Amino acid sequence: MNMPQMSDAHRRLHRLVGTWSGDEKLSPSPWDPTGGPAAGKSVNCAILDGFAVAHDYEQYRNGQVSFKGHGVFTWNAQENAYYLHWFDSMATTVNTYRGQFDGDMLSLESVDPNMKSRAVFDFGLPDSYTFRMDVSPDGAQWMTFMEGRYARQAEAVPRARTVSKSKPQAKAKPKAKPNKAAKAPAGKGRPIAKKSKKKAKNK
């Protein structure tokens, strides 16, 4: 059985791979009547031996995570089309987008007939990309819901763990053995030498 091989079409999706962060702008909409600034961060990695790209996204507003999303980008050779399957913290169902690359731009349109939306990624500049989400009530008139510009972030390199060298402990000095030849003090078991008595000689 011949295993499928990764094609150039799959590799084009690898332009998404990496860690990205940047500034965003939300337009007023039914989901956000005031709109305003936000910050976005995404971590994307190639999965399934490079046949797909997983996309994990977080949006921050006022220093807090306000929205999370997870997507999977794939290439369908039978349909000659790219797909994005999208899940997020505001929807209860998966959203599916379908589209194509046009030069450095990947444009994907929702297949949901009830709500038209379009995701546009522009990779025209090195180590950065722009994103725009457009919405439309009828598929004819479009308005920008959100746009952002993101820069590639340097991957964190794990620091080598240093092992502190402990000072060698000083060896304990051996205890001095008692000197067996040491003489006991007089009166404590020490024999007292007897003085020899000499008879005095008469002159």
Protein backbone atom coordinates (compact mmCIF):
# COMPACT_ATOMS: atom_id res chain seq x y z
CA MET A 1 0.00 0.00 0.00
CA ASN A 2 1.43 3.36 -1.04
CA MET A 3 1.27 5.92 1.72
CA PRO A 4 0.14 9.46 0.79
CA GLN A 5 2.91 11.98 0.32
CA MET A 6 2.94 15.57 1.51
CA SER A 7 2.60 17.98 -1.41
CA ASP A 8 3.53 21.61 -1.99
CA ALA A 9 -0.09 22.47 -1.25
CA HIS A 10 0.34 21.07 2.26
CA ARG A 11 3.63 22.94 2.71
CA ARG A 12 1.99 26.27 1.91
CA LEU A 13 0.01 25.91 5.13
CA HIS A 14 3.28 25.66 7.05
CA ARG A 15 3.65 29.42 6.68
CA LEU A 16 1.29 29.55 9.65
CA VAL A 17 3.60 27.48 11.87
CA GLY A 18 5.12 29.36 14.79
CA THR A 19 4.20 31.58 17.73
CA TRP A 20 2.61 34.90 16.79
CA SER A 21 1.33 37.95 18.65
CA GLY A 22 0.06 41.37 17.68
CA ASP A 23 -2.50 44.14 17.96
CA GLU A 24 -6.09 43.84 16.83
CA LYS A 25 -9.04 46.13 16.18
CA LEU A 26 -12.68 45.08 16.52
CA SER A 27 -15.43 46.96 14.75
CA PRO A 28 -18.82 47.54 16.45
CA SER A 29 -21.11 44.59 15.78
CA PRO A 30 -24.06 42.71 17.29
CA TRP A 31 -21.52 40.62 19.24
CA ASP A 32 -19.60 43.68 20.45
CA PRO A 33 -21.59 46.93 20.17
CA THR A 34 -18.63 49.17 21.07
CA GLY A 35 -15.70 47.35 19.46
CA GLY A 36 -12.24 48.55 20.36
CA PRO A 37 -8.62 47.45 20.63
CA ALA A 38 -7.45 43.98 21.58
CA ALA A 39 -4.33 41.83 21.49
CA GLY A 40 -4.03 38.39 19.98
CA LYS A 41 -1.66 35.47 20.37
CA SER A 42 -1.59 32.20 18.46
CA VAL A 43 0.54 29.09 18.61
CA ASN A 44 0.46 27.04 15.42
CA CYS A 45 2.14 23.72 14.76
CA ALA A 46 2.26 21.15 11.99
CA ILE A 47 0.48 17.92 12.93
CA LEU A 48 -0.20 14.50 11.39
CA ASP A 49 3.24 14.32 9.75
CA GLY A 50 2.77 17.76 8.22
CA PHE A 51 -0.57 17.09 6.53
CA ALA A 52 -2.41 19.61 8.73
CA VAL A 53 -1.72 22.65 10.92
CA ALA A 54 -3.25 23.13 14.38
CA HIS A 55 -4.02 26.70 15.40
CA ASP A 56 -4.55 27.76 19.04
CA TYR A 57 -5.63 31.36 19.54
CA GLU A 58 -6.29 33.67 22.50
CA GLN A 59 -7.60 37.23 22.47
CA TYR A 60 -6.88 39.66 25.31
CA ARG A 61 -8.84 42.75 26.30
CA ASN A 62 -8.11 44.85 29.37
CA GLY A 63 -5.37 42.41 30.32
CA GLN A 64 -7.75 39.42 30.47
CA VAL A 65 -8.42 36.55 28.08
CA SER A 66 -11.72 37.43 26.40
CA PHE A 67 -11.92 34.80 23.68
CA LYS A 68 -10.32 31.47 22.77
CA GLY A 69 -10.32 29.52 19.55
CA HIS A 70 -8.92 26.33 18.07
CA GLY A 71 -8.65 25.58 14.37
CA VAL A 72 -7.31 22.86 12.08
CA PHE A 73 -6.13 23.77 8.56
CA THR A 74 -6.09 21.02 5.93
CA TRP A 75 -5.70 20.55 2.19
CA ASN A 76 -8.32 18.52 0.29
CA ALA A 77 -6.70 17.26 -2.92
CA GLN A 78 -9.97 15.77 -4.26
CA GLU A 79 -11.69 19.16 -4.06
CA ASN A 80 -8.54 21.15 -4.77
CA ALA A 81 -9.35 23.37 -1.78
CA TYR A 82 -8.12 24.36 1.67
CA TYR A 83 -10.31 23.86 4.72
CA LEU A 84 -10.36 25.41 8.18
CA HIS A 85 -12.38 23.66 10.88
CA TRP A 86 -12.91 26.20 13.67
CA PHE A 87 -14.02 25.86 17.30
CA ASP A 88 -14.23 28.75 19.78
CA SER A 89 -15.45 29.76 23.21
CA MET A 90 -18.54 31.56 21.83
CA ALA A 91 -19.95 28.85 19.55
CA THR A 92 -21.48 25.47 20.29
CA THR A 93 -20.84 23.99 16.85
CA VAL A 94 -17.87 23.72 14.53
CA ASN A 95 -17.54 26.33 11.77
CA THR A 96 -16.11 25.17 8.46
CA TYR A 97 -14.32 27.45 6.00
CA ARG A 98 -13.23 26.63 2.45
CA GLY A 99 -10.97 28.53 0.08
CA GLN A 100 -7.72 28.99 -1.81
CA PHE A 101 -4.35 30.69 -1.84
CA ASP A 102 -4.00 33.61 -4.23
CA GLY A 103 -0.32 34.45 -4.21
CA ASP A 104 0.59 35.17 -0.58
CA MET A 105 -3.04 35.50 0.50
CA LEU A 106 -5.20 32.68 1.86
CA SER A 107 -8.93 33.46 1.71
CA LEU A 108 -11.42 31.09 3.34
CA GLU A 109 -15.19 31.53 3.31
CA SER A 110 -17.68 29.96 5.70
CA VAL A 111 -19.88 27.24 4.25
CA ASP A 112 -22.65 28.00 6.76
CA PRO A 113 -25.65 29.30 4.76
CA ASN A 114 -27.10 31.11 7.80
CA MET A 115 -24.09 33.28 8.59
CA LYS A 116 -21.56 34.35 5.98
CA SER A 117 -18.04 35.07 7.20
CA ARG A 118 -14.66 35.21 5.52
CA ALA A 119 -11.16 34.76 7.00
CA VAL A 120 -8.27 36.33 5.07
CA PHE A 121 -4.59 35.70 5.89
CA ASP A 122 -1.94 37.77 4.11
CA PHE A 123 1.66 36.47 4.29
CA GLY A 124 3.15 39.14 2.04
CA LEU A 125 5.82 40.22 4.54
CA PRO A 126 8.48 37.99 6.13
CA ASP A 127 7.98 36.92 9.76
CA SER A 128 4.59 38.65 9.95
CA TYR A 129 1.07 38.35 8.60
CA THR A 130 -2.19 40.22 8.69
CA PHE A 131 -5.62 38.74 9.36
CA ARG A 132 -9.07 40.05 8.60
CA MET A 133 -12.47 38.62 9.44
CA ASP A 134 -15.32 39.88 7.26
CA VAL A 135 -19.03 39.17 7.79
CA SER A 136 -22.00 39.50 5.48
CA PRO A 137 -25.75 39.00 5.87
CA ASP A 138 -26.22 37.92 2.26
CA GLY A 139 -22.79 37.12 0.80
CA ALA A 140 -22.90 40.26 -1.35
CA GLN A 141 -22.19 43.11 1.04
CA TRP A 142 -19.27 42.56 3.38
CA MET A 143 -18.05 44.47 6.43
CA THR A 144 -14.84 44.03 8.44
CA PHE A 145 -15.54 42.56 11.84
CA MET A 146 -11.95 42.24 13.07
CA GLU A 147 -8.44 42.85 11.76
CA GLY A 148 -4.98 42.33 13.21
CA ARG A 149 -1.29 42.34 12.42
CA TYR A 150 0.95 39.70 13.97
CA ALA A 151 4.71 39.21 14.26
CA ARG A 152 6.58 35.99 14.70
CA GLN A 153 7.90 35.51 18.22
CA ALA A 154 11.23 33.92 19.01
CA GLU A 155 10.86 30.39 20.27
CA ALA A 156 11.85 29.99 23.89
CA VAL A 157 15.03 27.94 24.22
CA PRO A 158 15.08 25.86 27.39
CA ARG A 159 17.97 26.82 29.61
CA ALA A 160 20.46 24.15 30.51
CA ARG A 161 20.13 23.17 34.10
CA THR A 162 23.33 23.84 36.01
CA VAL A 163 24.41 21.46 38.69
CA SER A 164 26.13 23.18 41.58
CA LYS A 165 29.34 21.58 42.62
CA SER A 166 29.26 20.77 46.29
CA LYS A 167 32.44 21.20 48.27
CA PRO A 168 33.99 17.92 49.36
CA GLN A 169 33.33 17.28 52.97
CA ALA A 170 36.35 17.10 55.21
CA LYS A 171 37.10 13.61 56.36
CA ALA A 172 36.59 13.02 60.03
CA LYS A 173 39.85 12.55 61.92
CA PRO A 174 40.16 9.09 63.42
CA LYS A 175 39.87 9.01 67.15
CA ALA A 176 43.14 8.51 68.98
CA LYS A 177 43.47 5.06 70.41
CA PRO A 178 44.28 4.88 74.09
CA ASN A 179 47.99 4.32 74.73
CA LYS A 180 48.26 0.97 76.45
CA ALA A 181 51.74 1.81 77.56
CA ALA A 182 50.63 4.90 79.48
CA LYS A 183 51.30 4.60 83.18
CA ALA A 184 48.47 4.91 85.61
CA PRO A 185 48.94 7.53 88.33
CA ALA A 186 50.19 6.42 91.67
CA GLY A 187 47.54 5.13 93.95
CA LYS A 188 45.31 4.17 91.06
CA GLY A 189 46.59 0.68 90.55
CA ARG A 190 50.15 1.69 89.83
CA PRO A 191 52.63 -0.48 91.77
CA ILE A 192 54.88 1.51 94.07
CA ALA A 193 58.54 0.64 93.80
CA LYS A 194 60.00 -0.52 97.08
CA LYS A 195 63.15 1.15 98.31
CA SER A 196 65.87 -1.25 99.21
CA LYS A 197 67.05 -0.88 102.78
CA LYS A 198 70.80 -0.71 103.23
CA LYS A 199 72.36 -1.48 106.51
CA ALA A 200 74.47 1.29 107.80
CA LYS A 201 78.09 0.34 108.09
CA ASN A 202 79.86 1.10 111.30
CA LYS A 203 82.90 3.10 110.84
